[in-house]
Amino acid sequence: MDSIFDGDNPAGDPFDAGRPDTGDLPGAGSGLEPHVDSVAAIHAESAADDLDDHLWMHEDGRIWDLGPAEVDTDNDGVNDSLTRNGPDGFTVYTDSDRDGQVDKITEIGADGAFSSAVLDPETGEWIPGGSGRIG
């Protein structure tokens, strides 16, 4: 499983592993592949979508709008996380303190391997957390 935490992503895009294949987008295969600055730009959003409910994170001076939280991972009645499927598994982005900024990322591989990292609010650095295997 390629991890966004291990620095193997040459493009520097923290969401490359979880980004949908651009082959599904209009114009794919034409040689005029769309440029996407935000994962949320890939998602069709309804007119009722409230941007205040979106999760976001920043990296190298760019702000990534991930879209609205879809899952309540801590069972408090408020959606705090969203998931993105990738070729090797999926990634869960979580805002644990309800400020809108993702502060925990968990990757789960198709083989059951997992790893997580939490954002240090003081430094803005991602600190590796738990890892192992599910099951």
C-alpha atoms as a PDB file:
ATOM      1  CA  MET A   1       0.000   0.000   0.000  1.00  0.00           C
ATOM      2  CA  ASP A   2       1.486   3.356  -1.003  1.00  0.00           C
ATOM      3  CA  SER A   3       1.129   5.677   1.942  1.00  0.00           C
ATOM      4  CA  ILE A   4       0.727   9.430   1.831  1.00  0.00           C
ATOM      5  CA  PHE A   5       2.800   9.469   5.011  1.00  0.00           C
ATOM      6  CA  ASP A   6       5.956   7.868   3.633  1.00  0.00           C
ATOM      7  CA  GLY A   7       6.990  10.567   1.151  1.00  0.00           C
ATOM      8  CA  ASP A   8       6.767   8.272  -1.905  1.00  0.00           C
ATOM      9  CA  ASN A   9       4.348  10.592  -3.657  1.00  0.00           C
ATOM     10  CA  PRO A  10       6.554  12.494  -6.157  1.00  0.00           C
ATOM     11  CA  ALA A  11       3.834  14.950  -7.137  1.00  0.00           C
ATOM     12  CA  GLY A  12       3.420  16.101  -3.538  1.00  0.00           C
ATOM     13  CA  ASP A  13      -0.349  15.664  -3.761  1.00  0.00           C
ATOM     14  CA  PRO A  14      -1.485  14.183  -0.425  1.00  0.00           C
ATOM     15  CA  PHE A  15      -4.653  12.878  -2.064  1.00  0.00           C
ATOM     16  CA  ASP A  16      -3.171  11.204  -5.106  1.00  0.00           C
ATOM     17  CA  ALA A  17      -3.708   7.721  -3.673  1.00  0.00           C
ATOM     18  CA  GLY A  18      -7.354   8.436  -2.866  1.00  0.00           C
ATOM     19  CA  ARG A  19      -8.260  10.502  -5.909  1.00  0.00           C
ATOM     20  CA  PRO A  20     -10.699   8.951  -8.388  1.00  0.00           C
ATOM     21  CA  ASP A  21      -9.286   8.010 -11.783  1.00  0.00           C
ATOM     22  CA  THR A  22      -9.540  10.979 -14.165  1.00  0.00           C
ATOM     23  CA  GLY A  23     -10.614   8.497 -16.841  1.00  0.00           C
ATOM     24  CA  ASP A  24     -14.130   8.950 -15.460  1.00  0.00           C
ATOM     25  CA  LEU A  25     -14.118  12.685 -16.142  1.00  0.00           C
ATOM     26  CA  PRO A  26     -15.338  14.396 -19.328  1.00  0.00           C
ATOM     27  CA  GLY A  27     -12.597  14.658 -21.931  1.00  0.00           C
ATOM     28  CA  ALA A  28     -10.641  11.715 -20.521  1.00  0.00           C
ATOM     29  CA  GLY A  29      -8.557   9.921 -23.091  1.00  0.00           C
ATOM     30  CA  SER A  30      -8.622  12.892 -25.440  1.00  0.00           C
ATOM     31  CA  GLY A  31      -5.136  14.044 -24.467  1.00  0.00           C
ATOM     32  CA  LEU A  32      -6.782  17.041 -22.803  1.00  0.00           C
ATOM     33  CA  GLU A  33      -6.970  15.626 -19.312  1.00  0.00           C
ATOM     34  CA  PRO A  34      -8.665  18.006 -16.860  1.00  0.00           C
ATOM     35  CA  HIS A  35      -6.542  19.724 -14.232  1.00  0.00           C
ATOM     36  CA  VAL A  36      -8.082  19.351 -10.794  1.00  0.00           C
ATOM     37  CA  ASP A  37      -6.840  21.523  -7.925  1.00  0.00           C
ATOM     38  CA  SER A  38      -9.262  20.059  -5.426  1.00  0.00           C
ATOM     39  CA  VAL A  39     -10.670  16.616  -4.791  1.00  0.00           C
ATOM     40  CA  ALA A  40     -14.043  18.306  -4.239  1.00  0.00           C
ATOM     41  CA  ALA A  41     -13.962  19.597  -7.817  1.00  0.00           C
ATOM     42  CA  ILE A  42     -14.413  15.996  -8.947  1.00  0.00           C
ATOM     43  CA  HIS A  43     -17.616  15.568  -6.972  1.00  0.00           C
ATOM     44  CA  ALA A  44     -20.948  16.822  -8.238  1.00  0.00           C
ATOM     45  CA  GLU A  45     -22.315  19.067  -5.511  1.00  0.00           C
ATOM     46  CA  SER A  46     -25.963  19.891  -5.032  1.00  0.00           C
ATOM     47  CA  ALA A  47     -27.152  23.475  -4.787  1.00  0.00           C
ATOM     48  CA  ALA A  48     -28.081  22.774  -1.150  1.00  0.00           C
ATOM     49  CA  ASP A  49     -24.492  21.751  -0.315  1.00  0.00           C
ATOM     50  CA  ASP A  50     -23.247  24.017   2.495  1.00  0.00           C
ATOM     51  CA  LEU A  51     -19.533  24.788   2.197  1.00  0.00           C
ATOM     52  CA  ASP A  52     -19.398  25.210   5.990  1.00  0.00           C
ATOM     53  CA  ASP A  53     -19.938  21.444   6.249  1.00  0.00           C
ATOM     54  CA  HIS A  54     -16.935  20.643   4.041  1.00  0.00           C
ATOM     55  CA  LEU A  55     -13.722  19.184   5.357  1.00  0.00           C
ATOM     56  CA  TRP A  56     -10.508  20.832   4.230  1.00  0.00           C
ATOM     57  CA  MET A  57      -6.779  20.654   4.686  1.00  0.00           C
ATOM     58  CA  HIS A  58      -3.815  22.617   3.449  1.00  0.00           C
ATOM     59  CA  GLU A  59      -0.491  21.567   2.011  1.00  0.00           C
ATOM     60  CA  ASP A  60       2.288  23.663   0.469  1.00  0.00           C
ATOM     61  CA  GLY A  61       0.166  26.810   0.441  1.00  0.00           C
ATOM     62  CA  ARG A  62      -2.830  25.115  -1.217  1.00  0.00           C
ATOM     63  CA  ILE A  63      -6.180  24.501   0.448  1.00  0.00           C
ATOM     64  CA  TRP A  64      -7.868  21.247  -0.440  1.00  0.00           C
ATOM     65  CA  ASP A  65     -11.668  21.186  -0.185  1.00  0.00           C
ATOM     66  CA  LEU A  66     -12.507  17.514   0.298  1.00  0.00           C
ATOM     67  CA  GLY A  67     -16.269  17.937   0.278  1.00  0.00           C
ATOM     68  CA  PRO A  68     -18.846  17.369   2.996  1.00  0.00           C
ATOM     69  CA  ALA A  69     -18.313  14.926   5.856  1.00  0.00           C
ATOM     70  CA  GLU A  70     -20.304  11.737   5.257  1.00  0.00           C
ATOM     71  CA  VAL A  71     -19.660   9.551   8.310  1.00  0.00           C
ATOM     72  CA  ASP A  72     -19.980   9.975  12.075  1.00  0.00           C
ATOM     73  CA  THR A  73     -16.940   8.015  13.307  1.00  0.00           C
ATOM     74  CA  ASP A  74     -17.244   8.920  16.996  1.00  0.00           C
ATOM     75  CA  ASN A  75     -21.012   8.365  17.289  1.00  0.00           C
ATOM     76  CA  ASP A  76     -21.781  11.872  18.565  1.00  0.00           C
ATOM     77  CA  GLY A  77     -24.473  12.607  15.975  1.00  0.00           C
ATOM     78  CA  VAL A  78     -22.250  14.862  13.811  1.00  0.00           C
ATOM     79  CA  ASN A  79     -20.645  13.705  10.569  1.00  0.00           C
ATOM     80  CA  ASP A  80     -16.903  14.198  11.014  1.00  0.00           C
ATOM     81  CA  SER A  81     -15.259  12.082   8.323  1.00  0.00           C
ATOM     82  CA  LEU A  82     -15.281  11.176   4.682  1.00  0.00           C
ATOM     83  CA  THR A  83     -13.736   8.324   2.752  1.00  0.00           C
ATOM     84  CA  ARG A  84     -12.045   8.135  -0.621  1.00  0.00           C
ATOM     85  CA  ASN A  85     -11.454   4.898  -2.492  1.00  0.00           C
ATOM     86  CA  GLY A  86      -8.153   4.316  -4.223  1.00  0.00           C
ATOM     87  CA  PRO A  87      -6.617   1.504  -6.226  1.00  0.00           C
ATOM     88  CA  ASP A  88      -5.053  -0.134  -3.147  1.00  0.00           C
ATOM     89  CA  GLY A  89      -7.772   0.461  -0.525  1.00  0.00           C
ATOM     90  CA  PHE A  90      -9.357   3.558   0.956  1.00  0.00           C
ATOM     91  CA  THR A  91      -8.525   6.586   3.068  1.00  0.00           C
ATOM     92  CA  VAL A  92     -10.579   8.114   5.885  1.00  0.00           C
ATOM     93  CA  TYR A  93     -10.172  11.873   6.491  1.00  0.00           C
ATOM     94  CA  THR A  94     -11.443  12.977   9.934  1.00  0.00           C
ATOM     95  CA  ASP A  95     -12.044  16.318  11.662  1.00  0.00           C
ATOM     96  CA  SER A  96     -12.046  15.299  15.319  1.00  0.00           C
ATOM     97  CA  ASP A  97     -12.438  18.781  16.829  1.00  0.00           C
ATOM     98  CA  ARG A  98     -15.252  20.119  14.575  1.00  0.00           C
ATOM     99  CA  ASP A  99     -13.288  23.051  13.125  1.00  0.00           C
ATOM    100  CA  GLY A 100     -13.560  21.809   9.531  1.00  0.00           C
ATOM    101  CA  GLN A 101      -9.860  21.006   9.160  1.00  0.00           C
ATOM    102  CA  VAL A 102      -8.872  17.370   8.746  1.00  0.00           C
ATOM    103  CA  ASP A 103      -6.700  16.416  11.704  1.00  0.00           C
ATOM    104  CA  LYS A 104      -6.544  12.641  11.339  1.00  0.00           C
ATOM    105  CA  ILE A 105      -5.960  10.468   8.281  1.00  0.00           C
ATOM    106  CA  THR A 106      -6.317   6.705   8.275  1.00  0.00           C
ATOM    107  CA  GLU A 107      -5.387   4.542   5.293  1.00  0.00           C
ATOM    108  CA  ILE A 108      -6.749   1.016   5.005  1.00  0.00           C
ATOM    109  CA  GLY A 109      -5.292  -1.221   2.327  1.00  0.00           C
ATOM    110  CA  ALA A 110      -7.097  -3.904   0.391  1.00  0.00           C
ATOM    111  CA  ASP A 111      -4.820  -6.401   2.159  1.00  0.00           C
ATOM    112  CA  GLY A 112      -6.031  -5.240   5.619  1.00  0.00           C
ATOM    113  CA  ALA A 113      -2.959  -3.165   6.463  1.00  0.00           C
ATOM    114  CA  PHE A 114      -3.691   0.203   8.047  1.00  0.00           C
ATOM    115  CA  SER A 115      -1.787   3.298   9.115  1.00  0.00           C
ATOM    116  CA  SER A 116      -2.839   6.604  10.578  1.00  0.00           C
ATOM    117  CA  ALA A 117      -1.442  10.040  11.301  1.00  0.00           C
ATOM    118  CA  VAL A 118      -2.639  13.018  13.311  1.00  0.00           C
ATOM    119  CA  LEU A 119      -1.994  16.688  12.636  1.00  0.00           C
ATOM    120  CA  ASP A 120       0.087  18.533  15.228  1.00  0.00           C
ATOM    121  CA  PRO A 121      -1.789  21.855  15.555  1.00  0.00           C
ATOM    122  CA  GLU A 122       1.334  23.678  16.746  1.00  0.00           C
ATOM    123  CA  THR A 123       3.659  22.717  13.897  1.00  0.00           C
ATOM    124  CA  GLY A 124       1.234  21.693  11.149  1.00  0.00           C
ATOM    125  CA  GLU A 125       3.219  18.467  10.749  1.00  0.00           C
ATOM    126  CA  TRP A 126       1.610  15.035  10.409  1.00  0.00           C
ATOM    127  CA  ILE A 127       2.669  12.681  13.200  1.00  0.00           C
ATOM    128  CA  PRO A 128       2.511   8.966  12.400  1.00  0.00           C
ATOM    129  CA  GLY A 129       0.105   7.107  14.657  1.00  0.00           C
ATOM    130  CA  GLY A 130      -0.940   3.505  14.798  1.00  0.00           C
ATOM    131  CA  SER A 131      -0.394   0.929  12.112  1.00  0.00           C
ATOM    132  CA  GLY A 132      -0.989  -2.760  11.743  1.00  0.00           C
ATOM    133  CA  ARG A 133      -3.392  -5.166  10.169  1.00  0.00           C
ATOM    134  CA  ILE A 134      -7.146  -5.534  10.478  1.00  0.00           C
ATOM    135  CA  GLY A 135      -8.376  -9.037  11.112  1.00  0.00           C
END
